[in-house]
Amino acid sequence: MNSDTNAIMDDSYVRVGKVPFIATTADEACGDVIRWGLERKSISVRLSNAYCVAVASNDRSYADVLNDEGVNFPDGRPVVWAMKARSRGRIIAGHVRGPSLFRNVLDRGRSNDLKHFFLGATDETLRALRG
């Protein structure tokens, strides 16, 4: 699926190297994550950048993880540029920054009564998140 003719996997995914990325915007990504949470869907959400694409090109087990069930959001402008170039402008793709997605899902999720749980953090980290 590395040729340009196979770059668009369907209406919502574009392959960059060996990694399928969902064509979305930051706002849509936030809405999707919240919706999946409200629907109690267990979906692996990965924020992947150009480094992830490079590693996946040389590490089959890592490529398998990024091609497994779940979604890869484009966390980096180079990935977005590649998605737009590969699709020849037929898709809308935006940069989904990990820290912004995290903060927005927390903020918008609370207004939808979505509960958030943190595992493995220290009390100090949790206090800072309450902030």
Protein backbone atom coordinates (compact mmCIF):
# COMPACT_ATOMS: atom_id res chain seq x y z
CA MET A 1 0.00 0.00 0.00
CA ASN A 2 2.94 2.35 -0.39
CA SER A 3 2.17 3.59 -3.89
CA ASP A 4 0.33 6.87 -4.36
CA THR A 5 -2.62 5.09 -5.95
CA ASN A 6 -3.10 3.17 -2.71
CA ALA A 7 -2.36 6.08 -0.36
CA ILE A 8 -6.01 6.62 0.52
CA MET A 9 -7.26 3.48 2.21
CA ASP A 10 -10.84 4.70 2.41
CA ASP A 11 -12.50 8.09 2.88
CA SER A 12 -10.95 8.64 6.28
CA TYR A 13 -7.48 7.04 6.29
CA VAL A 14 -4.24 7.89 4.50
CA ARG A 15 -1.18 5.67 4.67
CA VAL A 16 2.15 7.40 5.28
CA GLY A 17 4.88 4.84 4.90
CA LYS A 18 3.59 1.75 6.67
CA VAL A 19 1.28 3.67 9.02
CA PRO A 20 -2.44 4.34 8.45
CA PHE A 21 -3.46 7.77 9.73
CA ILE A 22 -7.01 8.97 10.19
CA ALA A 23 -7.78 12.15 8.27
CA THR A 24 -9.26 14.43 10.89
CA THR A 25 -8.88 17.75 12.64
CA ALA A 26 -7.92 18.36 16.26
CA ASP A 27 -11.52 19.27 17.11
CA GLU A 28 -12.92 16.16 15.39
CA ALA A 29 -10.33 13.95 17.11
CA CYS A 30 -11.36 15.33 20.50
CA GLY A 31 -15.03 14.72 19.70
CA ASP A 32 -14.27 11.16 18.55
CA VAL A 33 -12.36 10.28 21.73
CA ILE A 34 -15.15 11.70 23.90
CA ARG A 35 -17.82 9.86 21.89
CA TRP A 36 -15.92 6.58 22.17
CA GLY A 37 -15.67 7.09 25.91
CA LEU A 38 -19.36 7.85 26.27
CA GLU A 39 -20.18 4.79 24.16
CA ARG A 40 -17.80 2.77 26.37
CA LYS A 41 -15.80 1.67 23.33
CA SER A 42 -12.32 0.41 24.06
CA ILE A 43 -10.24 1.92 21.27
CA SER A 44 -6.48 2.24 21.17
CA VAL A 45 -5.65 5.87 20.42
CA ARG A 46 -2.13 6.53 19.19
CA LEU A 47 -0.62 9.95 18.53
CA SER A 48 2.00 9.20 15.91
CA ASN A 49 4.56 11.44 14.27
CA ALA A 50 7.25 11.21 11.59
CA TYR A 51 9.58 9.39 13.98
CA CYS A 52 6.91 6.69 14.42
CA VAL A 53 6.67 6.37 10.63
CA ALA A 54 10.47 6.02 10.38
CA VAL A 55 10.64 3.40 13.14
CA ALA A 56 7.73 1.45 11.62
CA SER A 57 9.55 1.33 8.29
CA ASN A 58 12.40 -0.64 9.90
CA ASP A 59 10.68 -2.48 12.75
CA ARG A 60 7.94 -4.89 11.72
CA SER A 61 6.67 -5.44 15.26
CA TYR A 62 6.25 -1.69 15.76
CA ALA A 63 4.53 -1.38 12.37
CA ASP A 64 2.19 -4.19 13.46
CA VAL A 65 1.24 -2.22 16.59
CA LEU A 66 0.46 0.88 14.50
CA ASN A 67 -1.59 -1.23 12.08
CA ASP A 68 -3.52 -3.07 14.78
CA GLU A 69 -7.02 -2.12 15.86
CA GLY A 70 -7.32 1.47 16.94
CA VAL A 71 -6.54 4.83 15.41
CA ASN A 72 -3.39 6.80 14.61
CA PHE A 73 -3.84 10.55 14.87
CA PRO A 74 -1.25 12.66 12.99
CA ASP A 75 0.80 14.27 15.76
CA GLY A 76 3.19 16.31 13.68
CA ARG A 77 3.09 18.68 10.74
CA PRO A 78 5.34 16.52 8.51
CA VAL A 79 2.81 13.67 8.76
CA VAL A 80 -0.04 16.05 7.87
CA TRP A 81 1.93 17.40 4.89
CA ALA A 82 2.58 13.82 3.71
CA MET A 83 -1.10 12.92 4.13
CA LYS A 84 -2.19 15.91 2.06
CA ALA A 85 0.42 15.21 -0.63
CA ARG A 86 -0.38 11.49 -0.80
CA SER A 87 -4.11 12.15 -1.10
CA ARG A 88 -3.56 14.90 -3.67
CA GLY A 89 -5.71 17.23 -1.62
CA ARG A 90 -8.73 14.90 -1.47
CA ILE A 91 -8.76 14.75 2.33
CA ILE A 92 -8.83 17.26 5.17
CA ALA A 93 -6.12 16.49 7.66
CA GLY A 94 -5.05 18.54 10.64
CA HIS A 95 -2.31 18.30 13.19
CA VAL A 96 -3.55 16.58 16.36
CA ARG A 97 -1.12 17.59 19.11
CA GLY A 98 -1.01 15.08 21.95
CA PRO A 99 -0.93 17.58 24.84
CA SER A 100 -3.76 19.63 23.32
CA LEU A 101 -5.88 16.52 22.69
CA PHE A 102 -5.33 15.39 26.28
CA ARG A 103 -6.34 18.78 27.72
CA ASN A 104 -9.33 19.21 25.39
CA VAL A 105 -10.68 15.71 26.04
CA LEU A 106 -10.49 16.39 29.77
CA ASP A 107 -12.20 19.78 29.47
CA ARG A 108 -14.90 18.80 27.00
CA GLY A 109 -15.36 15.37 28.53
CA ARG A 110 -16.27 16.81 31.92
CA SER A 111 -19.08 18.82 30.36
CA ASN A 112 -20.43 15.50 29.03
CA ASP A 113 -20.09 13.81 32.45
CA LEU A 114 -17.28 11.64 31.11
CA LYS A 115 -15.14 10.25 33.92
CA HIS A 116 -11.36 10.27 33.63
CA PHE A 117 -9.05 7.90 35.46
CA PHE A 118 -5.28 8.14 35.79
CA LEU A 119 -3.16 5.12 36.62
CA GLY A 120 0.42 5.23 37.78
CA ALA A 121 0.66 8.92 38.62
CA THR A 122 1.95 10.41 41.83
CA ASP A 123 -0.26 12.51 44.12
CA GLU A 124 1.80 15.54 43.07
CA THR A 125 1.05 14.90 39.38
CA LEU A 126 -2.65 14.47 40.10
CA ARG A 127 -2.73 17.76 42.06
CA ALA A 128 -1.07 19.53 39.12
CA LEU A 129 -3.66 18.10 36.71
CA ARG A 130 -6.48 19.41 38.90
CA GLY A 131 -4.74 22.68 38.69
